[in-house]
């Protein structure tokens, strides 16, 4: 990991396909402070919303942490209520929602991000991950304890996933073969970077897997940002 002067906008995904478009159609505020934004799904410029979702528009969450289209292959992720991963050629689709049972209630884990690898797709939630093999469409759902708050996660290799938490300086590695966390460590030395407030994901390079993170420190209600590139 190295400190850098500025972010290089790795999150600007270099998509070659550009077949998928989520077209804004409107919004509503059913409850004070709850804003719902609606889109239609266009594939190659043709509206496929009703065909795929049996409705004229869908509610979606869009931000720079959510990659919706594979850069080179025919796969897309739609950040709607079903967390839908699908093949854009034959429309084979799969919901990636992860459920937790707590205090007698069933809840859906909150979406954080989405990233396509050459042969995999990684869905990142607040306290769970879903890794899908794009060749077979089989996936593995990984759940963590309630105190975990994921900011970002990425594949180190075909077996290991690095997990970075939002409000913690502790990161950990999950072993897919052993199906457990195998190592925890501090991201930075807190003697050199004290008063850590949180980590913020800023981008990941498709070709090298380099991840850029912003460290936010807080002292006397003043915030200081430092940027890092993680290999």
Protein backbone atom coordinates (compact mmCIF):
# COMPACT_ATOMS: atom_id res chain seq x y z
CA UNK A 1 0.00 0.00 0.00
CA UNK A 2 1.31 3.44 -0.94
CA UNK A 3 0.18 6.96 -0.15
CA UNK A 4 -0.75 9.05 -3.20
CA UNK A 5 -1.39 12.77 -3.69
CA UNK A 6 -4.72 12.47 -5.48
CA UNK A 7 -7.30 10.00 -6.72
CA UNK A 8 -6.82 8.75 -10.27
CA UNK A 9 -10.52 7.99 -10.87
CA UNK A 10 -10.11 4.25 -11.17
CA UNK A 11 -13.87 3.97 -10.69
CA UNK A 12 -14.43 5.26 -14.23
CA UNK A 13 -15.01 1.76 -15.59
CA UNK A 14 -13.64 1.30 -19.11
CA UNK A 15 -16.68 -0.49 -20.51
CA UNK A 16 -16.43 -1.56 -24.12
CA UNK A 17 -19.96 -2.95 -24.38
CA UNK A 18 -22.00 0.07 -23.30
CA UNK A 19 -25.14 -1.92 -24.03
CA UNK A 20 -26.86 -1.18 -20.74
CA UNK A 21 -28.53 2.10 -19.81
CA UNK A 22 -30.65 2.89 -16.78
CA UNK A 23 -32.77 5.82 -17.92
CA UNK A 24 -34.14 8.13 -15.24
CA UNK A 25 -37.94 8.40 -15.32
CA UNK A 26 -38.83 10.09 -12.03
CA UNK A 27 -38.83 10.03 -8.25
CA UNK A 28 -41.13 10.20 -5.26
CA UNK A 29 -40.87 10.81 -1.52
CA UNK A 30 -43.41 8.48 0.14
CA UNK A 31 -42.07 9.36 3.58
CA UNK A 32 -40.21 12.45 4.70
CA UNK A 33 -36.54 11.95 3.93
CA UNK A 34 -37.13 8.74 1.94
CA UNK A 35 -36.44 9.46 -1.72
CA UNK A 36 -37.19 6.71 -4.25
CA UNK A 37 -35.71 7.06 -7.74
CA UNK A 38 -37.11 5.16 -10.73
CA UNK A 39 -35.53 4.08 -14.00
CA UNK A 40 -36.27 2.13 -17.15
CA UNK A 41 -33.80 -0.49 -18.39
CA UNK A 42 -32.55 -0.09 -21.95
CA UNK A 43 -30.50 -2.78 -23.69
CA UNK A 44 -29.01 -1.67 -27.00
CA UNK A 45 -31.35 1.32 -26.84
CA UNK A 46 -34.51 -0.82 -26.50
CA UNK A 47 -36.65 -0.62 -23.37
CA UNK A 48 -36.65 -4.09 -21.77
CA UNK A 49 -38.09 -3.10 -18.38
CA UNK A 50 -41.49 -4.79 -18.70
CA UNK A 51 -40.02 -7.89 -20.34
CA UNK A 52 -37.58 -8.47 -17.49
CA UNK A 53 -39.45 -7.00 -14.51
CA UNK A 54 -43.16 -7.06 -15.48
CA UNK A 55 -43.42 -3.36 -14.64
CA UNK A 56 -42.87 -0.11 -16.54
CA UNK A 57 -40.13 1.19 -14.27
CA UNK A 58 -37.89 -0.03 -11.47
CA UNK A 59 -36.49 1.54 -8.33
CA UNK A 60 -32.67 1.50 -8.36
CA UNK A 61 -29.73 2.71 -6.31
CA UNK A 62 -26.96 4.17 -8.48
CA UNK A 63 -23.57 5.49 -7.42
CA UNK A 64 -19.91 5.18 -8.39
CA UNK A 65 -19.44 2.06 -6.25
CA UNK A 66 -21.96 0.06 -8.29
CA UNK A 67 -20.74 -1.25 -11.63
CA UNK A 68 -23.75 -2.25 -13.72
CA UNK A 69 -22.12 -3.75 -16.82
CA UNK A 70 -19.22 -6.11 -17.48
CA UNK A 71 -16.55 -4.17 -19.41
CA UNK A 72 -16.18 -6.81 -22.14
CA UNK A 73 -18.77 -9.57 -21.68
CA UNK A 74 -22.54 -9.90 -21.86
CA UNK A 75 -23.43 -9.58 -18.18
CA UNK A 76 -25.11 -6.85 -16.20
CA UNK A 77 -26.04 -6.12 -12.61
CA UNK A 78 -29.17 -4.08 -11.93
CA UNK A 79 -29.21 -2.51 -8.43
CA UNK A 80 -32.96 -2.85 -8.02
CA UNK A 81 -34.91 -4.46 -5.17
CA UNK A 82 -33.91 -7.96 -6.34
CA UNK A 83 -30.16 -7.21 -6.78
CA UNK A 84 -30.43 -8.77 -10.24
CA UNK A 85 -27.49 -10.27 -12.14
CA UNK A 86 -28.31 -11.35 -15.69
CA UNK A 87 -26.95 -12.45 -19.05
CA UNK A 88 -27.75 -9.79 -21.66
CA UNK A 89 -27.88 -12.36 -24.49
CA UNK A 90 -30.41 -14.90 -23.21
CA UNK A 91 -31.71 -12.95 -20.17
CA UNK A 92 -30.81 -15.71 -17.72
CA UNK A 93 -31.08 -13.96 -14.39
CA UNK A 94 -30.43 -14.51 -10.69
CA UNK A 95 -31.30 -12.55 -7.58
CA UNK A 96 -28.30 -11.88 -5.33
CA UNK A 97 -30.18 -10.77 -2.22
CA UNK A 98 -28.77 -11.90 1.13
CA UNK A 99 -31.13 -12.36 4.08
CA UNK A 100 -30.39 -12.19 7.81
CA UNK A 101 -32.68 -13.35 10.59
CA UNK A 102 -32.47 -11.07 13.61
CA UNK A 103 -34.73 -10.62 16.61
CA UNK A 104 -37.48 -12.59 14.94
CA UNK A 105 -37.34 -10.47 11.79
CA UNK A 106 -36.01 -11.22 8.32
CA UNK A 107 -33.98 -8.38 6.79
CA UNK A 108 -32.20 -7.92 3.46
CA UNK A 109 -28.57 -6.86 3.69
CA UNK A 110 -27.87 -3.34 2.39
CA UNK A 111 -26.18 -2.97 -0.99
CA UNK A 112 -22.73 -1.33 -0.95
CA UNK A 113 -21.14 -2.05 -4.33
CA UNK A 114 -20.73 -4.24 -7.40
CA UNK A 115 -17.64 -5.14 -9.42
CA UNK A 116 -17.04 -7.35 -12.45
CA UNK A 117 -13.87 -9.40 -12.85
CA UNK A 118 -13.02 -11.24 -16.09
CA UNK A 119 -14.87 -14.41 -15.02
CA UNK A 120 -16.51 -13.37 -11.72
CA UNK A 121 -18.88 -10.85 -10.25
CA UNK A 122 -18.56 -9.66 -6.65
CA UNK A 123 -21.55 -8.13 -4.90
CA UNK A 124 -20.60 -6.18 -1.78
CA UNK A 125 -23.16 -5.63 0.97
CA UNK A 126 -22.89 -4.04 4.40
CA UNK A 127 -22.07 -7.35 6.13
CA UNK A 128 -22.05 -9.96 3.37
CA UNK A 129 -20.54 -10.79 -0.03
CA UNK A 130 -21.86 -12.72 -3.03
CA UNK A 131 -19.29 -14.13 -5.46
CA UNK A 132 -20.77 -15.40 -8.74
CA UNK A 133 -19.01 -17.52 -11.37
CA UNK A 134 -20.10 -15.98 -14.68
CA UNK A 135 -19.47 -19.23 -16.57
CA UNK A 136 -21.82 -21.35 -14.46
CA UNK A 137 -23.91 -18.65 -12.74
CA UNK A 138 -23.32 -20.47 -9.46
CA UNK A 139 -22.59 -18.24 -6.49
CA UNK A 140 -21.32 -18.32 -2.95
CA UNK A 141 -22.92 -16.13 -0.29
CA UNK A 142 -20.64 -15.13 2.58
CA UNK A 143 -22.12 -13.72 5.77
CA UNK A 144 -20.30 -11.92 8.57
CA UNK A 145 -21.15 -10.94 12.14
CA UNK A 146 -23.38 -7.96 12.90
CA UNK A 147 -20.46 -5.71 13.94
CA UNK A 148 -18.97 -5.82 10.42
CA UNK A 149 -19.58 -2.74 8.25
CA UNK A 150 -18.02 -3.24 4.82
CA UNK A 151 -16.77 -0.31 2.76
CA UNK A 152 -15.23 -2.39 -0.03
CA UNK A 153 -13.94 -5.87 -0.83
CA UNK A 154 -11.84 -7.23 -3.67
CA UNK A 155 -10.38 -10.49 -4.92
CA UNK A 156 -6.71 -10.95 -4.07
CA UNK A 157 -6.74 -14.15 -6.11
CA UNK A 158 -9.20 -16.98 -6.89
CA UNK A 159 -9.18 -18.09 -3.25
CA UNK A 160 -8.82 -14.95 -1.09
CA UNK A 161 -10.98 -11.84 -0.65
CA UNK A 162 -9.70 -8.70 1.09
CA UNK A 163 -12.39 -6.89 3.11
CA UNK A 164 -12.05 -3.23 4.15
CA UNK A 165 -14.46 -1.84 6.72
CA UNK A 166 -15.91 1.68 6.75
CA UNK A 167 -15.46 2.81 10.33
CA UNK A 168 -12.55 0.63 11.36
CA UNK A 169 -8.83 0.54 10.67
CA UNK A 170 -8.98 -3.25 10.78
CA UNK A 171 -9.20 -5.16 7.49
CA UNK A 172 -9.42 -8.91 7.11
CA UNK A 173 -9.00 -11.69 4.55
CA UNK A 174 -11.67 -14.29 3.84
CA UNK A 175 -10.57 -17.71 2.55
CA UNK A 176 -13.12 -19.15 0.08
CA UNK A 177 -11.76 -22.70 0.40
CA UNK A 178 -11.63 -22.77 4.19
CA UNK A 179 -14.81 -20.64 4.40
CA UNK A 180 -13.51 -18.47 7.22
CA UNK A 181 -11.61 -15.32 8.07
CA UNK A 182 -7.91 -16.19 8.17
CA UNK A 183 -6.23 -12.92 9.04
CA UNK A 184 -6.89 -9.48 10.49
CA UNK A 185 -4.55 -6.50 10.48
CA UNK A 186 -4.44 -2.71 10.70
CA UNK A 187 -4.63 -0.92 7.37
CA UNK A 188 -2.33 1.92 8.45
CA UNK A 189 -0.20 2.64 11.51
CA UNK A 190 -2.38 4.69 13.85
CA UNK A 191 0.70 6.34 15.34
CA UNK A 192 1.36 7.86 11.92
CA UNK A 193 -2.33 8.41 11.11
CA UNK A 194 -4.19 9.05 14.39
CA UNK A 195 -7.84 9.98 14.92
CA UNK A 196 -9.14 7.76 12.16
CA UNK A 197 -12.78 8.48 11.37
CA UNK A 198 -13.47 6.24 8.39
CA UNK A 199 -12.27 4.74 5.09
CA UNK A 200 -13.96 5.63 1.79
CA UNK A 201 -13.71 3.62 -1.43
CA UNK A 202 -12.68 5.72 -4.45
CA UNK A 203 -12.06 3.23 -7.24
CA UNK A 204 -10.68 -0.08 -8.49
CA UNK A 205 -8.76 -0.78 -11.69
CA UNK A 206 -10.21 -3.65 -13.75
CA UNK A 207 -6.87 -4.79 -15.18
CA UNK A 208 -4.62 -4.60 -12.10
CA UNK A 209 -7.10 -4.83 -9.19
CA UNK A 210 -5.47 -1.78 -7.63
CA UNK A 211 -7.88 -0.14 -5.21
CA UNK A 212 -7.85 3.51 -4.20
CA UNK A 213 -9.10 4.47 -0.75
CA UNK A 214 -9.51 7.75 1.09
CA UNK A 215 -8.66 7.89 4.78
CA UNK A 216 -10.68 10.45 6.69
CA UNK A 217 -9.23 11.69 9.99
CA UNK A 218 -11.16 13.89 12.40
CA UNK A 219 -9.63 16.29 14.92
CA UNK A 220 -11.59 19.03 16.71
CA UNK A 221 -14.46 18.66 14.21
CA UNK A 222 -12.03 19.19 11.33
CA UNK A 223 -11.54 16.51 8.67
CA UNK A 224 -8.33 15.64 6.86
CA UNK A 225 -8.17 13.37 3.80
CA UNK A 226 -5.25 11.16 2.80
CA UNK A 227 -5.30 8.90 -0.26
CA UNK A 228 -3.86 5.43 -0.66
CA UNK A 229 -3.43 2.91 -3.43
CA UNK A 230 -3.71 -0.71 -2.35
CA UNK A 231 -2.20 -3.43 -4.53
